[in-house]
Amino acid sequence: MNKELAKQTGLILIVDDTPANLDVLSETLSAVGYDVAIATTGERALKQLERKSPDLILQQFPKL
């Protein structure tokens, strides 16, 4: 990761059913300063939203 990047702030909710994707995204975003919440299903994502509204939601799209 480029050390010259400015630290970021905000909460990002990642919704994905693949643990490897969650790991890579959450580690990368955390490394630059974002708070990260994860959910492995839509139902869990909705429960996360009840607790706190994120600034951004990243969601995996279903395979076609």
PDB file of N, CA and C in Angstrom:
ATOM      1  N   MET A   1       0.842  -1.174   0.000  1.00  0.00           N
ATOM      2  CA  MET A   1       0.000   0.000   0.000  1.00  0.00           C
ATOM      3  C   MET A   1       0.888   1.238   0.000  1.00  0.00           C
ATOM      4  N   ASN A   2       0.549   2.231  -0.792  1.00  0.00           N
ATOM      5  CA  ASN A   2       1.312   3.458  -0.888  1.00  0.00           C
ATOM      6  C   ASN A   2       1.219   4.240   0.416  1.00  0.00           C
ATOM      7  N   LYS A   3       2.355   4.500   1.062  1.00  0.00           N
ATOM      8  CA  LYS A   3       2.362   5.181   2.354  1.00  0.00           C
ATOM      9  C   LYS A   3       2.018   6.653   2.221  1.00  0.00           C
ATOM     10  N   GLU A   4       1.995   7.183   1.014  1.00  0.00           N
ATOM     11  CA  GLU A   4       1.663   8.585   0.811  1.00  0.00           C
ATOM     12  C   GLU A   4       0.157   8.817   0.764  1.00  0.00           C
ATOM     13  N   LEU A   5      -0.637   7.763   0.738  1.00  0.00           N
ATOM     14  CA  LEU A   5      -2.082   7.921   0.712  1.00  0.00           C
ATOM     15  C   LEU A   5      -2.551   8.552   2.007  1.00  0.00           C
ATOM     16  N   ALA A   6      -3.468   9.495   1.895  1.00  0.00           N
ATOM     17  CA  ALA A   6      -4.040  10.110   3.087  1.00  0.00           C
ATOM     18  C   ALA A   6      -4.959   9.108   3.772  1.00  0.00           C
ATOM     19  N   LYS A   7      -4.996   9.164   5.086  1.00  0.00           N
ATOM     20  CA  LYS A   7      -5.909   8.293   5.831  1.00  0.00           C
ATOM     21  C   LYS A   7      -7.338   8.705   5.528  1.00  0.00           C
ATOM     22  N   GLN A   8      -8.188   7.728   5.370  1.00  0.00           N
ATOM     23  CA  GLN A   8      -9.593   7.952   5.068  1.00  0.00           C
ATOM     24  C   GLN A   8     -10.428   7.729   6.330  1.00  0.00           C
ATOM     25  N   THR A   9     -11.634   8.220   6.314  1.00  0.00           N
ATOM     26  CA  THR A   9     -12.542   7.972   7.423  1.00  0.00           C
ATOM     27  C   THR A   9     -13.900   7.604   6.872  1.00  0.00           C
ATOM     28  N   GLY A  10     -14.701   6.992   7.705  1.00  0.00           N
ATOM     29  CA  GLY A  10     -16.048   6.612   7.316  1.00  0.00           C
ATOM     30  C   GLY A  10     -16.249   5.131   7.525  1.00  0.00           C
ATOM     31  N   LEU A  11     -17.512   4.728   7.521  1.00  0.00           N
ATOM     32  CA  LEU A  11     -17.881   3.328   7.714  1.00  0.00           C
ATOM     33  C   LEU A  11     -18.328   2.729   6.393  1.00  0.00           C
ATOM     34  N   ILE A  12     -17.734   1.598   6.037  1.00  0.00           N
ATOM     35  CA  ILE A  12     -18.095   0.884   4.815  1.00  0.00           C
ATOM     36  C   ILE A  12     -18.622  -0.484   5.207  1.00  0.00           C
ATOM     37  N   LEU A  13     -19.812  -0.813   4.720  1.00  0.00           N
ATOM     38  CA  LEU A  13     -20.406  -2.132   4.922  1.00  0.00           C
ATOM     39  C   LEU A  13     -20.120  -2.969   3.680  1.00  0.00           C
ATOM     40  N   ILE A  14     -19.478  -4.122   3.887  1.00  0.00           N
ATOM     41  CA  ILE A  14     -19.176  -5.042   2.786  1.00  0.00           C
ATOM     42  C   ILE A  14     -20.110  -6.236   2.906  1.00  0.00           C
ATOM     43  N   VAL A  15     -20.842  -6.524   1.828  1.00  0.00           N
ATOM     44  CA  VAL A  15     -21.770  -7.654   1.808  1.00  0.00           C
ATOM     45  C   VAL A  15     -21.300  -8.634   0.744  1.00  0.00           C
ATOM     46  N   ASP A  16     -20.907  -9.820   1.187  1.00  0.00           N
ATOM     47  CA  ASP A  16     -20.381 -10.828   0.262  1.00  0.00           C
ATOM     48  C   ASP A  16     -20.435 -12.181   0.953  1.00  0.00           C
ATOM     49  N   ASP A  17     -20.728 -13.223   0.215  1.00  0.00           N
ATOM     50  CA  ASP A  17     -20.798 -14.554   0.819  1.00  0.00           C
ATOM     51  C   ASP A  17     -19.498 -15.347   0.657  1.00  0.00           C
ATOM     52  N   THR A  18     -18.467 -14.697   0.141  1.00  0.00           N
ATOM     53  CA  THR A  18     -17.170 -15.350  -0.035  1.00  0.00           C
ATOM     54  C   THR A  18     -16.179 -14.796   0.995  1.00  0.00           C
ATOM     55  N   PRO A  19     -15.785 -15.628   1.967  1.00  0.00           N
ATOM     56  CA  PRO A  19     -14.879 -15.151   3.024  1.00  0.00           C
ATOM     57  C   PRO A  19     -13.586 -14.521   2.515  1.00  0.00           C
ATOM     58  N   ALA A  20     -13.012 -15.066   1.461  1.00  0.00           N
ATOM     59  CA  ALA A  20     -11.762 -14.505   0.926  1.00  0.00           C
ATOM     60  C   ALA A  20     -11.971 -13.070   0.438  1.00  0.00           C
ATOM     61  N   ASN A  21     -13.098 -12.812  -0.207  1.00  0.00           N
ATOM     62  CA  ASN A  21     -13.397 -11.454  -0.667  1.00  0.00           C
ATOM     63  C   ASN A  21     -13.538 -10.506   0.517  1.00  0.00           C
ATOM     64  N   LEU A  22     -14.239 -10.955   1.545  1.00  0.00           N
ATOM     65  CA  LEU A  22     -14.417 -10.133   2.744  1.00  0.00           C
ATOM     66  C   LEU A  22     -13.073  -9.811   3.381  1.00  0.00           C
ATOM     67  N   ASP A  23     -12.206 -10.807   3.457  1.00  0.00           N
ATOM     68  CA  ASP A  23     -10.882 -10.601   4.067  1.00  0.00           C
ATOM     69  C   ASP A  23     -10.066  -9.565   3.307  1.00  0.00           C
ATOM     70  N   VAL A  24      -9.989  -9.726   1.994  1.00  0.00           N
ATOM     71  CA  VAL A  24      -9.172  -8.822   1.181  1.00  0.00           C
ATOM     72  C   VAL A  24      -9.711  -7.396   1.259  1.00  0.00           C
ATOM     73  N   LEU A  25     -11.002  -7.250   1.063  1.00  0.00           N
ATOM     74  CA  LEU A  25     -11.585  -5.907   1.081  1.00  0.00           C
ATOM     75  C   LEU A  25     -11.481  -5.252   2.449  1.00  0.00           C
ATOM     76  N   SER A  26     -11.810  -5.995   3.506  1.00  0.00           N
ATOM     77  CA  SER A  26     -11.783  -5.385   4.839  1.00  0.00           C
ATOM     78  C   SER A  26     -10.361  -5.023   5.259  1.00  0.00           C
ATOM     79  N   GLU A  27      -9.387  -5.869   4.964  1.00  0.00           N
ATOM     80  CA  GLU A  27      -7.996  -5.554   5.306  1.00  0.00           C
ATOM     81  C   GLU A  27      -7.492  -4.340   4.530  1.00  0.00           C
ATOM     82  N   THR A  28      -7.823  -4.280   3.257  1.00  0.00           N
ATOM     83  CA  THR A  28      -7.373  -3.169   2.419  1.00  0.00           C
ATOM     84  C   THR A  28      -7.993  -1.847   2.877  1.00  0.00           C
ATOM     85  N   LEU A  29      -9.288  -1.857   3.115  1.00  0.00           N
ATOM     86  CA  LEU A  29      -9.962  -0.629   3.527  1.00  0.00           C
ATOM     87  C   LEU A  29      -9.554  -0.201   4.934  1.00  0.00           C
ATOM     88  N   SER A  30      -9.379  -1.156   5.823  1.00  0.00           N
ATOM     89  CA  SER A  30      -8.936  -0.843   7.186  1.00  0.00           C
ATOM     90  C   SER A  30      -7.534  -0.241   7.178  1.00  0.00           C
ATOM     91  N   ALA A  31      -6.695  -0.727   6.284  1.00  0.00           N
ATOM     92  CA  ALA A  31      -5.314  -0.252   6.215  1.00  0.00           C
ATOM     93  C   ALA A  31      -5.213   1.227   5.857  1.00  0.00           C
ATOM     94  N   VAL A  32      -6.205   1.741   5.153  1.00  0.00           N
ATOM     95  CA  VAL A  32      -6.187   3.161   4.802  1.00  0.00           C
ATOM     96  C   VAL A  32      -7.103   3.987   5.704  1.00  0.00           C
ATOM     97  N   GLY A  33      -7.601   3.372   6.778  1.00  0.00           N
ATOM     98  CA  GLY A  33      -8.292   4.135   7.803  1.00  0.00           C
ATOM     99  C   GLY A  33      -9.798   4.031   7.875  1.00  0.00           C
ATOM    100  N   TYR A  34     -10.418   3.274   6.985  1.00  0.00           N
ATOM    101  CA  TYR A  34     -11.868   3.144   7.048  1.00  0.00           C
ATOM    102  C   TYR A  34     -12.277   2.187   8.160  1.00  0.00           C
ATOM    103  N   ASP A  35     -13.429   2.452   8.763  1.00  0.00           N
ATOM    104  CA  ASP A  35     -14.065   1.477   9.634  1.00  0.00           C
ATOM    105  C   ASP A  35     -14.839   0.554   8.716  1.00  0.00           C
ATOM    106  N   VAL A  36     -14.804  -0.748   9.000  1.00  0.00           N
ATOM    107  CA  VAL A  36     -15.423  -1.721   8.115  1.00  0.00           C
ATOM    108  C   VAL A  36     -16.368  -2.618   8.903  1.00  0.00           C
ATOM    109  N   ALA A  37     -17.559  -2.812   8.357  1.00  0.00           N
ATOM    110  CA  ALA A  37     -18.505  -3.796   8.878  1.00  0.00           C
ATOM    111  C   ALA A  37     -18.718  -4.810   7.768  1.00  0.00           C
ATOM    112  N   ILE A  38     -18.920  -6.071   8.134  1.00  0.00           N
ATOM    113  CA  ILE A  38     -19.118  -7.099   7.115  1.00  0.00           C
ATOM    114  C   ILE A  38     -20.418  -7.847   7.368  1.00  0.00           C
ATOM    115  N   ALA A  39     -20.978  -8.353   6.283  1.00  0.00           N
ATOM    116  CA  ALA A  39     -22.173  -9.190   6.346  1.00  0.00           C
ATOM    117  C   ALA A  39     -22.058 -10.232   5.244  1.00  0.00           C
ATOM    118  N   THR A  40     -22.447 -11.461   5.572  1.00  0.00           N
ATOM    119  CA  THR A  40     -22.345 -12.546   4.588  1.00  0.00           C
ATOM    120  C   THR A  40     -23.670 -12.839   3.884  1.00  0.00           C
ATOM    121  N   THR A  41     -24.746 -12.196   4.329  1.00  0.00           N
ATOM    122  CA  THR A  41     -26.049 -12.361   3.683  1.00  0.00           C
ATOM    123  C   THR A  41     -26.777 -11.021   3.674  1.00  0.00           C
ATOM    124  N   GLY A  42     -27.787 -10.928   2.832  1.00  0.00           N
ATOM    125  CA  GLY A  42     -28.614  -9.724   2.807  1.00  0.00           C
ATOM    126  C   GLY A  42     -29.311  -9.496   4.134  1.00  0.00           C
ATOM    127  N   GLU A  43     -29.756 -10.572   4.761  1.00  0.00           N
ATOM    128  CA  GLU A  43     -30.435 -10.458   6.050  1.00  0.00           C
ATOM    129  C   GLU A  43     -29.498  -9.876   7.113  1.00  0.00           C
ATOM    130  N   ARG A  44     -28.278 -10.347   7.133  1.00  0.00           N
ATOM    131  CA  ARG A  44     -27.298  -9.811   8.097  1.00  0.00           C
ATOM    132  C   ARG A  44     -26.953  -8.361   7.776  1.00  0.00           C
ATOM    133  N   ALA A  45     -26.922  -8.026   6.510  1.00  0.00           N
ATOM    134  CA  ALA A  45     -26.660  -6.634   6.128  1.00  0.00           C
ATOM    135  C   ALA A  45     -27.758  -5.723   6.647  1.00  0.00           C
ATOM    136  N   LEU A  46     -29.005  -6.163   6.542  1.00  0.00           N
ATOM    137  CA  LEU A  46     -30.118  -5.361   7.050  1.00  0.00           C
ATOM    138  C   LEU A  46     -30.024  -5.169   8.560  1.00  0.00           C
ATOM    139  N   LYS A  47     -29.583  -6.197   9.270  1.00  0.00           N
ATOM    140  CA  LYS A  47     -29.403  -6.063  10.723  1.00  0.00           C
ATOM    141  C   LYS A  47     -28.292  -5.064  11.043  1.00  0.00           C
ATOM    142  N   GLN A  48     -27.236  -5.077  10.240  1.00  0.00           N
ATOM    143  CA  GLN A  48     -26.161  -4.104  10.421  1.00  0.00           C
ATOM    144  C   GLN A  48     -26.699  -2.680  10.224  1.00  0.00           C
ATOM    145  N   LEU A  49     -27.563  -2.514   9.227  1.00  0.00           N
ATOM    146  CA  LEU A  49     -28.124  -1.199   8.929  1.00  0.00           C
ATOM    147  C   LEU A  49     -28.997  -0.682  10.065  1.00  0.00           C
ATOM    148  N   GLU A  50     -29.633  -1.597  10.807  1.00  0.00           N
ATOM    149  CA  GLU A  50     -30.440  -1.189  11.953  1.00  0.00           C
ATOM    150  C   GLU A  50     -29.568  -0.584  13.047  1.00  0.00           C
ATOM    151  N   ARG A  51     -28.334  -1.064  13.162  1.00  0.00           N
ATOM    152  CA  ARG A  51     -27.421  -0.591  14.202  1.00  0.00           C
ATOM    153  C   ARG A  51     -26.779   0.743  13.838  1.00  0.00           C
ATOM    154  N   LYS A  52     -26.295   0.839  12.612  1.00  0.00           N
ATOM    155  CA  LYS A  52     -25.609   2.067  12.198  1.00  0.00           C
ATOM    156  C   LYS A  52     -25.610   2.151  10.681  1.00  0.00           C
ATOM    157  N   SER A  53     -25.897   3.331  10.162  1.00  0.00           N
ATOM    158  CA  SER A  53     -25.884   3.542   8.719  1.00  0.00           C
ATOM    159  C   SER A  53     -24.449   3.748   8.237  1.00  0.00           C
ATOM    160  N   PRO A  54     -24.017   2.955   7.272  1.00  0.00           N
ATOM    161  CA  PRO A  54     -22.670   3.145   6.734  1.00  0.00           C
ATOM    162  C   PRO A  54     -22.651   4.317   5.754  1.00  0.00           C
ATOM    163  N   ASP A  55     -21.450   4.782   5.464  1.00  0.00           N
ATOM    164  CA  ASP A  55     -21.278   5.824   4.459  1.00  0.00           C
ATOM    165  C   ASP A  55     -21.306   5.238   3.050  1.00  0.00           C
ATOM    166  N   LEU A  56     -20.991   3.939   2.959  1.00  0.00           N
ATOM    167  CA  LEU A  56     -20.939   3.261   1.669  1.00  0.00           C
ATOM    168  C   LEU A  56     -21.217   1.784   1.884  1.00  0.00           C
ATOM    169  N   ILE A  57     -21.944   1.171   0.943  1.00  0.00           N
ATOM    170  CA  ILE A  57     -22.191  -0.280   0.977  1.00  0.00           C
ATOM    171  C   ILE A  57     -21.595  -0.883  -0.293  1.00  0.00           C
ATOM    172  N   LEU A  58     -20.721  -1.877  -0.115  1.00  0.00           N
ATOM    173  CA  LEU A  58     -20.176  -2.637  -1.240  1.00  0.00           C
ATOM    174  C   LEU A  58     -20.844  -4.002  -1.208  1.00  0.00           C
ATOM    175  N   GLN A  59     -21.525  -4.364  -2.288  1.00  0.00           N
ATOM    176  CA  GLN A  59     -22.277  -5.610  -2.320  1.00  0.00           C
ATOM    177  C   GLN A  59     -21.894  -6.422  -3.533  1.00  0.00           C
ATOM    178  N   GLN A  60     -21.745  -7.729  -3.306  1.00  0.00           N
ATOM    179  CA  GLN A  60     -21.491  -8.638  -4.426  1.00  0.00           C
ATOM    180  C   GLN A  60     -22.783  -8.824  -5.202  1.00  0.00           C
ATOM    181  N   PHE A  61     -22.678  -8.754  -6.514  1.00  0.00           N
ATOM    182  CA  PHE A  61     -23.850  -9.001  -7.346  1.00  0.00           C
ATOM    183  C   PHE A  61     -23.945 -10.495  -7.634  1.00  0.00           C
ATOM    184  N   PRO A  62     -25.159 -11.005  -7.731  1.00  0.00           N
ATOM    185  CA  PRO A  62     -25.310 -12.440  -8.055  1.00  0.00           C
ATOM    186  C   PRO A  62     -24.726 -12.761  -9.425  1.00  0.00           C
ATOM    187  N   LYS A  63     -24.209 -13.949  -9.540  1.00  0.00           N
ATOM    188  CA  LYS A  63     -23.674 -14.396 -10.833  1.00  0.00           C
ATOM    189  C   LYS A  63     -24.833 -14.672 -11.775  1.00  0.00           C
ATOM    190  N   LEU A  64     -24.680 -14.247 -13.007  1.00  0.00           N
ATOM    191  CA  LEU A  64     -25.736 -14.449 -13.998  1.00  0.00           C
ATOM    192  C   LEU A  64     -25.470 -15.664 -14.835  1.00  0.00           C
TER     193      LEU A  64
END
